C-alpha atoms as a PDB file:
ATOM      1  CA  MET A   1     -91.771  77.124 101.675  1.00  0.00           C
ATOM      2  CA  ILE A   2     -91.780  74.690 104.426  1.00  0.00           C
ATOM      3  CA  LEU A   3     -88.098  74.193 105.116  1.00  0.00           C
ATOM      4  CA  SER A   4     -86.846  70.593 106.412  1.00  0.00           C
ATOM      5  CA  MET A   5     -84.116  68.871 107.093  1.00  0.00           C
ATOM      6  CA  ILE A   6     -82.638  65.117 106.270  1.00  0.00           C
ATOM      7  CA  VAL A   7     -80.293  63.726 108.063  1.00  0.00           C
ATOM      8  CA  ALA A   8     -79.085  60.333 109.599  1.00  0.00           C
ATOM      9  CA  ILE A   9     -77.371  60.428 112.840  1.00  0.00           C
ATOM     10  CA  ASP A  10     -75.880  58.206 115.650  1.00  0.00           C
ATOM     11  CA  GLN A  11     -76.867  57.423 118.997  1.00  0.00           C
ATOM     12  CA  ASN A  12     -74.658  60.856 119.652  1.00  0.00           C
ATOM     13  CA  ASN A  13     -75.909  62.875 116.688  1.00  0.00           C
ATOM     14  CA  GLY A  14     -73.307  62.012 115.337  1.00  0.00           C
ATOM     15  CA  ILE A  15     -73.380  62.885 111.216  1.00  0.00           C
ATOM     16  CA  GLY A  16     -69.747  62.454 109.809  1.00  0.00           C
ATOM     17  CA  LYS A  17     -66.514  61.896 109.465  1.00  0.00           C
ATOM     18  CA  GLY A  18     -64.361  64.484 107.826  1.00  0.00           C
ATOM     19  CA  ASP A  19     -65.927  64.806 104.675  1.00  0.00           C
ATOM     20  CA  ASP A  20     -67.867  61.594 104.645  1.00  0.00           C
ATOM     21  CA  GLN A  21     -70.800  59.890 105.793  1.00  0.00           C
ATOM     22  CA  LEU A  22     -70.880  57.978 109.213  1.00  0.00           C
ATOM     23  CA  ALA A  23     -72.979  54.919 107.108  1.00  0.00           C
ATOM     24  CA  TYR A  24     -74.404  54.041 104.061  1.00  0.00           C
ATOM     25  CA  ILE A  25     -77.711  52.048 104.329  1.00  0.00           C
ATOM     26  CA  SER A  26     -79.001  51.636 101.153  1.00  0.00           C
ATOM     27  CA  ALA A  27     -82.968  52.046 102.737  1.00  0.00           C
ATOM     28  CA  ASP A  28     -81.839  55.116 103.444  1.00  0.00           C
ATOM     29  CA  LEU A  29     -80.472  56.512 100.271  1.00  0.00           C
ATOM     30  CA  LYS A  30     -83.599  55.298  98.480  1.00  0.00           C
ATOM     31  CA  ARG A  31     -85.864  57.202 101.377  1.00  0.00           C
ATOM     32  CA  PHE A  32     -83.706  60.398 101.063  1.00  0.00           C
ATOM     33  CA  LYS A  33     -83.912  60.297  96.517  1.00  0.00           C
ATOM     34  CA  ALA A  34     -87.403  59.704  97.273  1.00  0.00           C
ATOM     35  CA  LEU A  35     -88.236  62.644  99.854  1.00  0.00           C
ATOM     36  CA  THR A  36     -85.810  64.946  98.238  1.00  0.00           C
ATOM     37  CA  THR A  37     -86.369  64.775  94.330  1.00  0.00           C
ATOM     38  CA  GLY A  38     -88.278  67.375  92.902  1.00  0.00           C
ATOM     39  CA  HIS A  39     -87.584  69.681  95.923  1.00  0.00           C
ATOM     40  CA  THR A  40     -85.076  72.110  96.360  1.00  0.00           C
ATOM     41  CA  ILE A  41     -81.702  70.890  98.421  1.00  0.00           C
ATOM     42  CA  LEU A  42     -79.826  73.450 100.432  1.00  0.00           C
ATOM     43  CA  MET A  43     -75.809  72.837 101.294  1.00  0.00           C
ATOM     44  CA  GLY A  44     -72.569  73.828 102.340  1.00  0.00           C
ATOM     45  CA  ARG A  45     -69.686  73.521 100.428  1.00  0.00           C
ATOM     46  CA  LYS A  46     -68.387  70.528 101.513  1.00  0.00           C
ATOM     47  CA  THR A  47     -71.110  68.872 101.676  1.00  0.00           C
ATOM     48  CA  PHE A  48     -71.301  69.549  98.315  1.00  0.00           C
ATOM     49  CA  GLU A  49     -67.796  68.740  97.104  1.00  0.00           C
ATOM     50  CA  ALA A  50     -68.732  65.248  99.032  1.00  0.00           C
ATOM     51  CA  LEU A  51     -71.346  63.940  97.006  1.00  0.00           C
ATOM     52  CA  PRO A  52     -69.719  61.166  94.191  1.00  0.00           C
ATOM     53  CA  LYS A  53     -70.994  62.893  91.270  1.00  0.00           C
ATOM     54  CA  GLY A  54     -71.705  66.232  91.789  1.00  0.00           C
ATOM     55  CA  ALA A  55     -74.982  68.548  92.178  1.00  0.00           C
ATOM     56  CA  LEU A  56     -77.707  65.611  92.220  1.00  0.00           C
ATOM     57  CA  PRO A  57     -80.150  64.854  89.817  1.00  0.00           C
ATOM     58  CA  LYS A  58     -83.689  66.102  89.877  1.00  0.00           C
ATOM     59  CA  ARG A  59     -83.373  69.115  92.553  1.00  0.00           C
ATOM     60  CA  ARG A  60     -82.273  71.840  92.335  1.00  0.00           C
ATOM     61  CA  ASN A  61     -79.337  72.427  94.387  1.00  0.00           C
ATOM     62  CA  VAL A  62     -78.468  75.386  96.097  1.00  0.00           C
ATOM     63  CA  VAL A  63     -74.564  75.772  97.880  1.00  0.00           C
ATOM     64  CA  ILE A  64     -74.064  77.821 100.961  1.00  0.00           C
ATOM     65  CA  THR A  65     -69.701  79.168 101.011  1.00  0.00           C
ATOM     66  CA  ARG A  66     -68.249  81.998 102.407  1.00  0.00           C
ATOM     67  CA  GLN A  67     -65.680  81.661  99.103  1.00  0.00           C
ATOM     68  CA  ASP A  68     -66.418  84.301  97.050  1.00  0.00           C
ATOM     69  CA  ASN A  69     -66.451  82.939  93.022  1.00  0.00           C
ATOM     70  CA  TYR A  70     -66.730  79.383  93.714  1.00  0.00           C
ATOM     71  CA  SER A  71     -68.406  77.253  90.951  1.00  0.00           C
ATOM     72  CA  ALA A  72     -70.404  74.847  91.845  1.00  0.00           C
ATOM     73  CA  PRO A  73     -71.212  73.102  88.356  1.00  0.00           C
ATOM     74  CA  GLY A  74     -75.276  72.703  88.431  1.00  0.00           C
ATOM     75  CA  ALA A  75     -76.191  74.101  91.584  1.00  0.00           C
ATOM     76  CA  ASP A  76     -77.408  78.364  92.625  1.00  0.00           C
ATOM     77  CA  VAL A  77     -74.356  79.304  94.672  1.00  0.00           C
ATOM     78  CA  VAL A  78     -75.135  81.807  97.576  1.00  0.00           C
ATOM     79  CA  ASN A  79     -73.299  83.393  99.990  1.00  0.00           C
ATOM     80  CA  SER A  80     -75.303  83.995 103.250  1.00  0.00           C
ATOM     81  CA  VAL A  81     -78.364  82.026 105.210  1.00  0.00           C
ATOM     82  CA  GLU A  82     -80.663  85.239 104.061  1.00  0.00           C
ATOM     83  CA  GLU A  83     -79.394  84.947 100.464  1.00  0.00           C
ATOM     84  CA  ALA A  84     -80.088  80.930 100.610  1.00  0.00           C
ATOM     85  CA  LEU A  85     -83.799  81.824 101.861  1.00  0.00           C
ATOM     86  CA  ASN A  86     -84.101  84.545  99.839  1.00  0.00           C
ATOM     87  CA  LEU A  87     -83.518  83.005  96.982  1.00  0.00           C
ATOM     88  CA  CYS A  88     -85.306  79.788  98.057  1.00  0.00           C
ATOM     89  CA  GLN A  89     -88.504  81.941  99.125  1.00  0.00           C
ATOM     90  CA  ASN A  90     -90.899  80.930  96.341  1.00  0.00           C
ATOM     91  CA  ASP A  91     -89.786  77.181  96.282  1.00  0.00           C
ATOM     92  CA  GLU A  92     -92.576  74.880  97.795  1.00  0.00           C
ATOM     93  CA  LYS A  93     -90.211  72.554  99.811  1.00  0.00           C
ATOM     94  CA  VAL A  94     -86.330  73.338 100.761  1.00  0.00           C
ATOM     95  CA  PHE A  95     -84.337  70.364 102.068  1.00  0.00           C
ATOM     96  CA  VAL A  96     -81.708  71.164 104.145  1.00  0.00           C
ATOM     97  CA  ILE A  97     -79.001  68.578 103.650  1.00  0.00           C
ATOM     98  CA  GLY A  98     -75.969  69.428 105.438  1.00  0.00           C
ATOM     99  CA  GLY A  99     -73.002  69.528 106.927  1.00  0.00           C
ATOM    100  CA  GLY A 100     -72.633  70.218 110.390  1.00  0.00           C
ATOM    101  CA  GLU A 101     -72.965  74.252 110.491  1.00  0.00           C
ATOM    102  CA  ILE A 102     -75.282  74.402 107.877  1.00  0.00           C
ATOM    103  CA  TYR A 103     -77.124  71.999 110.106  1.00  0.00           C
ATOM    104  CA  LYS A 104     -76.861  74.859 113.369  1.00  0.00           C
ATOM    105  CA  VAL A 105     -77.696  77.637 111.565  1.00  0.00           C
ATOM    106  CA  PHE A 106     -81.083  76.784 109.943  1.00  0.00           C
ATOM    107  CA  LEU A 107     -82.509  74.377 113.024  1.00  0.00           C
ATOM    108  CA  PRO A 108     -83.829  77.115 114.498  1.00  0.00           C
ATOM    109  CA  LYS A 109     -85.883  78.355 111.422  1.00  0.00           C
ATOM    110  CA  THR A 110     -86.671  74.655 110.332  1.00  0.00           C
ATOM    111  CA  GLU A 111     -89.887  73.075 110.120  1.00  0.00           C
ATOM    112  CA  GLN A 112     -89.906  69.794 109.540  1.00  0.00           C
ATOM    113  CA  LEU A 113     -87.145  67.276 110.330  1.00  0.00           C
ATOM    114  CA  TYR A 114     -86.929  63.736 108.868  1.00  0.00           C
ATOM    115  CA  LEU A 115     -84.229  61.853 110.765  1.00  0.00           C
ATOM    116  CA  THR A 116     -83.079  58.325 110.217  1.00  0.00           C
ATOM    117  CA  ASN A 117     -81.574  57.486 113.859  1.00  0.00           C
ATOM    118  CA  ILE A 118     -78.564  54.459 113.743  1.00  0.00           C
ATOM    119  CA  GLU A 119     -78.511  52.686 116.698  1.00  0.00           C
ATOM    120  CA  HIS A 120     -74.653  52.545 116.876  1.00  0.00           C
ATOM    121  CA  CYS A 121     -72.306  55.364 118.149  1.00  0.00           C
ATOM    122  CA  PHE A 122     -69.763  55.688 115.966  1.00  0.00           C
ATOM    123  CA  ASP A 123     -66.080  56.430 117.937  1.00  0.00           C
ATOM    124  CA  GLU A 124     -65.193  58.031 114.405  1.00  0.00           C
ATOM    125  CA  ALA A 125     -67.650  60.680 114.073  1.00  0.00           C
ATOM    126  CA  THR A 126     -66.059  64.154 114.301  1.00  0.00           C
ATOM    127  CA  VAL A 127     -69.241  66.327 112.965  1.00  0.00           C
ATOM    128  CA  PHE A 128     -72.228  66.101 114.957  1.00  0.00           C
ATOM    129  CA  PHE A 129     -76.107  67.230 114.262  1.00  0.00           C
ATOM    130  CA  PRO A 130     -77.433  69.823 116.604  1.00  0.00           C
ATOM    131  CA  GLU A 131     -78.769  68.947 120.483  1.00  0.00           C
ATOM    132  CA  ILE A 132     -82.676  68.313 119.571  1.00  0.00           C
ATOM    133  CA  ASN A 133     -84.781  69.552 121.875  1.00  0.00           C
ATOM    134  CA  LEU A 134     -88.166  67.222 121.358  1.00  0.00           C
ATOM    135  CA  ASP A 135     -90.547  69.375 123.822  1.00  0.00           C
ATOM    136  CA  GLU A 136     -90.175  71.799 120.249  1.00  0.00           C
ATOM    137  CA  TRP A 137     -91.131  68.780 118.313  1.00  0.00           C
ATOM    138  CA  THR A 138     -94.132  66.487 117.309  1.00  0.00           C
ATOM    139  CA  VAL A 139     -93.536  62.595 116.276  1.00  0.00           C
ATOM    140  CA  GLU A 140     -95.940  62.467 113.171  1.00  0.00           C
ATOM    141  CA  CYS A 141     -94.530  59.190 111.610  1.00  0.00           C
ATOM    142  CA  HIS A 142     -92.233  56.680 113.226  1.00  0.00           C
ATOM    143  CA  GLU A 143     -91.444  53.297 111.413  1.00  0.00           C
ATOM    144  CA  GLY A 144     -88.940  50.855 112.305  1.00  0.00           C
ATOM    145  CA  PRO A 145     -86.453  49.485 113.782  1.00  0.00           C
ATOM    146  CA  PHE A 146     -85.034  48.068 110.627  1.00  0.00           C
ATOM    147  CA  ALA A 147     -81.727  46.018 110.093  1.00  0.00           C
ATOM    148  CA  ASP A 148     -79.472  46.863 107.160  1.00  0.00           C
ATOM    149  CA  GLU A 149     -78.103  43.716 105.536  1.00  0.00           C
ATOM    150  CA  LYS A 150     -74.823  44.962 104.270  1.00  0.00           C
ATOM    151  CA  THR A 151     -73.869  47.126 107.680  1.00  0.00           C
ATOM    152  CA  GLN A 152     -76.038  45.137 110.131  1.00  0.00           C
ATOM    153  CA  LEU A 153     -76.865  48.854 111.431  1.00  0.00           C
ATOM    154  CA  THR A 154     -80.249  48.530 113.201  1.00  0.00           C
ATOM    155  CA  TYR A 155     -81.905  52.054 112.492  1.00  0.00           C
ATOM    156  CA  SER A 156     -85.262  53.559 112.111  1.00  0.00           C
ATOM    157  CA  TYR A 157     -87.247  56.352 110.809  1.00  0.00           C
ATOM    158  CA  GLN A 158     -88.364  59.467 112.841  1.00  0.00           C
ATOM    159  CA  ASP A 159     -90.392  62.610 111.031  1.00  0.00           C
ATOM    160  CA  LEU A 160     -90.800  65.596 113.286  1.00  0.00           C
ATOM    161  CA  ARG A 161     -93.103  68.788 112.923  1.00  0.00           C
ATOM    162  CA  LYS A 162     -92.051  71.839 114.553  1.00  0.00           C
ATOM    163  CA  LYS A 163     -94.796  73.087 117.190  1.00  0.00           C
ATOM    164  CA  LYS A 164     -96.130  76.070 116.757  1.00  0.00           C
END
C-alpha cells in the first residue's frame, strides 16, 4: 500500500474554516477526482459529513471516528489509525483527504504528498495542515502557477515523495 495525502493549502498551511474548504478551485477539484478515482480515500468524520453528497463515487471511502456505532452510508467506518491501516493494507494506493487531525496523525506514515498551493492567506482559516519539513521530501513534479477564473486565486501543484 502506498499512503498518500492530497490537500489544498494556503500560504499559512490553512486548509479549512469550520467544516468547509477555504476555496473551491474547479481545476483542483477535477485533479482531486482524477487522482483519487479507483483508489481508497481515508478521512475523518467531519470531512465525511462535509461532503455535499456523502460518500464519493468510484472510490472506497473509509471514515475514522471515535464515535461508537457511527453510520456513514457508502463508507467503511473504523475507530483507530491502526484499524484503518489494517483495513487498507491490501489496497494499492490510499489517499488521506482530511481533515486537520487526520493529516497530523498520518503525515509521519505518508509516502506521497499531492499539494495544491494557493497563493493567498485566508484570515478565516481555522483548520491547518501540519508543518512540512521539506528536507524530508523530494519534489517530483511542480506545475503552475495557474489562475482560477472564478475565484481569481493563483495556485500551483506540487507532488512530493518522502526521501528514504
